Amino acid sequence: MSDETDLPISLDKALTSFDALWSPRIVTHVNDYDVRVAKVEGEHVWHVHEDTDEFFLVLEGELWISLREPGGERTVALPRGAVFTVPRGTEHKPYAATRTAIMMFEPSGTSTVGDRHDEIPAHVDATTGHQLGA
């Protein structure tokens, strides 16, 4: 499962190839962007990406994203099949009550904990993404 091939990539197979939570795998690239999948459960960390939006698609389960915006704090719920874009510069914290699978589009090299973040808990992988099979 590599983007170095001209064969389709099965997201189901990609998701079954790893178990780590909050540790995204890069399934392919689109221009200068990574297409990442991750398994998540529990809370991530409050963080912000100063220079890029962050796109989420829920593949399985349900994801909540808390946002700190100029008008106050709010939380959006994303059921299976829902998409949401966190605007650049918006502090946010994803979480999932049960095991959830998500897809994200981010510029290659973007850290999972953003440019600014709270203390990183042990269960969150601060990474720019791992290749599938790595």
Protein backbone atom coordinates (compact mmCIF):
# COMPACT_ATOMS: atom_id res chain seq x y z
CA MET A 1 0.00 0.00 0.00
CA SER A 2 2.07 2.87 -1.30
CA ASP A 3 1.41 5.97 -3.32
CA GLU A 4 4.41 4.98 -5.50
CA THR A 5 2.14 2.68 -7.47
CA ASP A 6 -0.63 3.27 -9.96
CA LEU A 7 -2.90 0.80 -8.16
CA PRO A 8 -5.90 1.80 -6.05
CA ILE A 9 -5.41 1.97 -2.29
CA SER A 10 -7.93 0.21 -0.07
CA LEU A 11 -8.72 2.35 2.97
CA ASP A 12 -10.06 -0.74 4.75
CA LYS A 13 -6.71 -2.50 4.27
CA ALA A 14 -4.81 0.65 5.23
CA LEU A 15 -6.78 0.89 8.49
CA THR A 16 -6.28 -2.78 9.37
CA SER A 17 -2.51 -2.47 8.84
CA PHE A 18 -1.94 -0.64 12.16
CA ASP A 19 -3.43 -0.38 15.64
CA ALA A 20 -1.83 2.76 17.13
CA LEU A 21 -4.23 5.52 18.16
CA TRP A 22 -3.67 9.19 17.24
CA SER A 23 -0.80 8.09 14.96
CA PRO A 24 -1.77 8.86 11.34
CA ARG A 25 -0.57 6.90 8.32
CA ILE A 26 0.02 8.56 4.97
CA VAL A 27 -1.90 6.66 2.29
CA THR A 28 -1.09 8.89 -0.67
CA HIS A 29 -0.20 12.43 -1.72
CA VAL A 30 -2.19 15.01 -3.68
CA ASN A 31 0.10 17.78 -4.94
CA ASP A 32 1.88 18.98 -1.77
CA TYR A 33 -0.69 17.44 0.58
CA ASP A 34 -0.72 14.19 2.55
CA VAL A 35 -3.85 12.09 2.65
CA ARG A 36 -3.70 10.51 6.11
CA VAL A 37 -5.84 7.97 7.93
CA ALA A 38 -5.88 7.51 11.68
CA LYS A 39 -7.60 5.54 14.39
CA VAL A 40 -8.61 7.71 17.31
CA GLU A 41 -10.21 7.27 20.71
CA GLY A 42 -10.19 9.53 23.76
CA GLU A 43 -8.86 13.09 23.65
CA HIS A 44 -6.18 14.59 21.46
CA VAL A 45 -4.60 17.87 22.63
CA TRP A 46 -5.58 21.52 22.21
CA HIS A 47 -3.49 22.77 19.30
CA VAL A 48 -3.44 25.22 16.41
CA HIS A 49 -2.09 25.18 12.86
CA GLU A 50 -1.15 28.79 12.19
CA ASP A 51 -0.71 28.54 8.41
CA THR A 52 -3.02 25.80 7.18
CA ASP A 53 -6.60 24.57 7.41
CA GLU A 54 -7.16 20.97 8.57
CA PHE A 55 -9.72 18.79 6.78
CA PHE A 56 -11.40 15.84 8.54
CA LEU A 57 -13.57 13.05 7.08
CA VAL A 58 -15.05 10.46 9.46
CA LEU A 59 -14.79 6.98 7.95
CA GLU A 60 -16.10 4.99 10.95
CA GLY A 61 -17.51 6.03 14.31
CA GLU A 62 -18.03 9.62 15.43
CA LEU A 63 -15.58 12.46 16.04
CA TRP A 64 -16.09 15.62 18.04
CA ILE A 65 -13.94 18.70 17.56
CA SER A 66 -13.90 21.44 20.17
CA LEU A 67 -13.00 24.87 18.79
CA ARG A 68 -11.86 28.05 20.50
CA GLU A 69 -13.13 30.86 18.31
CA PRO A 70 -13.36 34.64 18.78
CA GLY A 71 -17.02 34.26 19.82
CA GLY A 72 -16.24 31.54 22.37
CA GLU A 73 -15.82 27.82 22.56
CA ARG A 74 -18.03 25.36 20.67
CA THR A 75 -17.98 21.69 19.71
CA VAL A 76 -18.97 20.16 16.38
CA ALA A 77 -20.06 16.53 16.08
CA LEU A 78 -19.05 14.59 12.98
CA PRO A 79 -20.89 11.31 12.44
CA ARG A 80 -19.68 8.70 9.92
CA GLY A 81 -19.45 10.27 6.46
CA ALA A 82 -19.27 13.87 7.71
CA VAL A 83 -16.54 16.32 6.75
CA PHE A 84 -15.32 19.43 8.55
CA THR A 85 -12.52 21.91 7.99
CA VAL A 86 -10.86 23.61 10.95
CA PRO A 87 -9.75 27.03 9.69
CA ARG A 88 -6.08 27.96 10.03
CA GLY A 89 -5.31 29.76 13.27
CA THR A 90 -8.24 28.13 15.14
CA GLU A 91 -7.33 26.33 18.35
CA HIS A 92 -9.02 22.92 18.37
CA LYS A 93 -9.10 19.56 20.14
CA PRO A 94 -10.50 16.42 18.48
CA TYR A 95 -11.87 13.57 20.58
CA ALA A 96 -13.83 10.36 20.16
CA ALA A 97 -15.79 8.47 22.81
CA THR A 98 -15.26 5.15 21.00
CA ARG A 99 -12.79 3.86 18.41
CA THR A 100 -13.17 6.02 15.30
CA ALA A 101 -11.41 6.08 11.92
CA ILE A 102 -10.73 9.39 10.20
CA MET A 103 -9.10 10.75 7.06
CA MET A 104 -7.27 14.08 7.00
CA PHE A 105 -5.82 16.26 4.25
CA GLU A 106 -2.88 18.39 5.35
CA PRO A 107 0.18 19.91 3.69
CA SER A 108 3.06 17.41 3.74
CA GLY A 109 5.17 17.90 6.84
CA THR A 110 2.32 19.25 8.99
CA SER A 111 2.65 18.19 12.62
CA THR A 112 -0.28 16.39 14.24
CA VAL A 113 0.07 18.71 17.23
CA GLY A 114 0.25 21.91 15.21
CA ASP A 115 2.47 24.92 15.70
CA ARG A 116 1.31 25.59 19.27
CA HIS A 117 -0.16 23.04 21.66
CA ASP A 118 -0.82 22.07 25.25
CA GLU A 119 1.38 19.44 26.89
CA ILE A 120 1.30 16.32 24.73
CA PRO A 121 -0.14 13.27 26.53
CA ALA A 122 1.61 9.90 26.13
CA HIS A 123 -1.19 8.48 23.95
CA VAL A 124 -0.80 11.18 21.25
CA ASP A 125 1.89 10.66 18.60
CA ALA A 126 3.48 14.02 17.71
CA THR A 127 4.38 13.23 14.10
CA THR A 128 4.18 14.46 10.53
CA GLY A 129 2.63 11.10 9.63
CA HIS A 130 4.01 7.60 9.12
CA GLN A 131 4.15 5.75 5.83
CA LEU A 132 1.85 2.72 5.63
CA GLY A 133 3.67 -0.43 6.68
CA ALA A 134 6.24 1.52 8.69
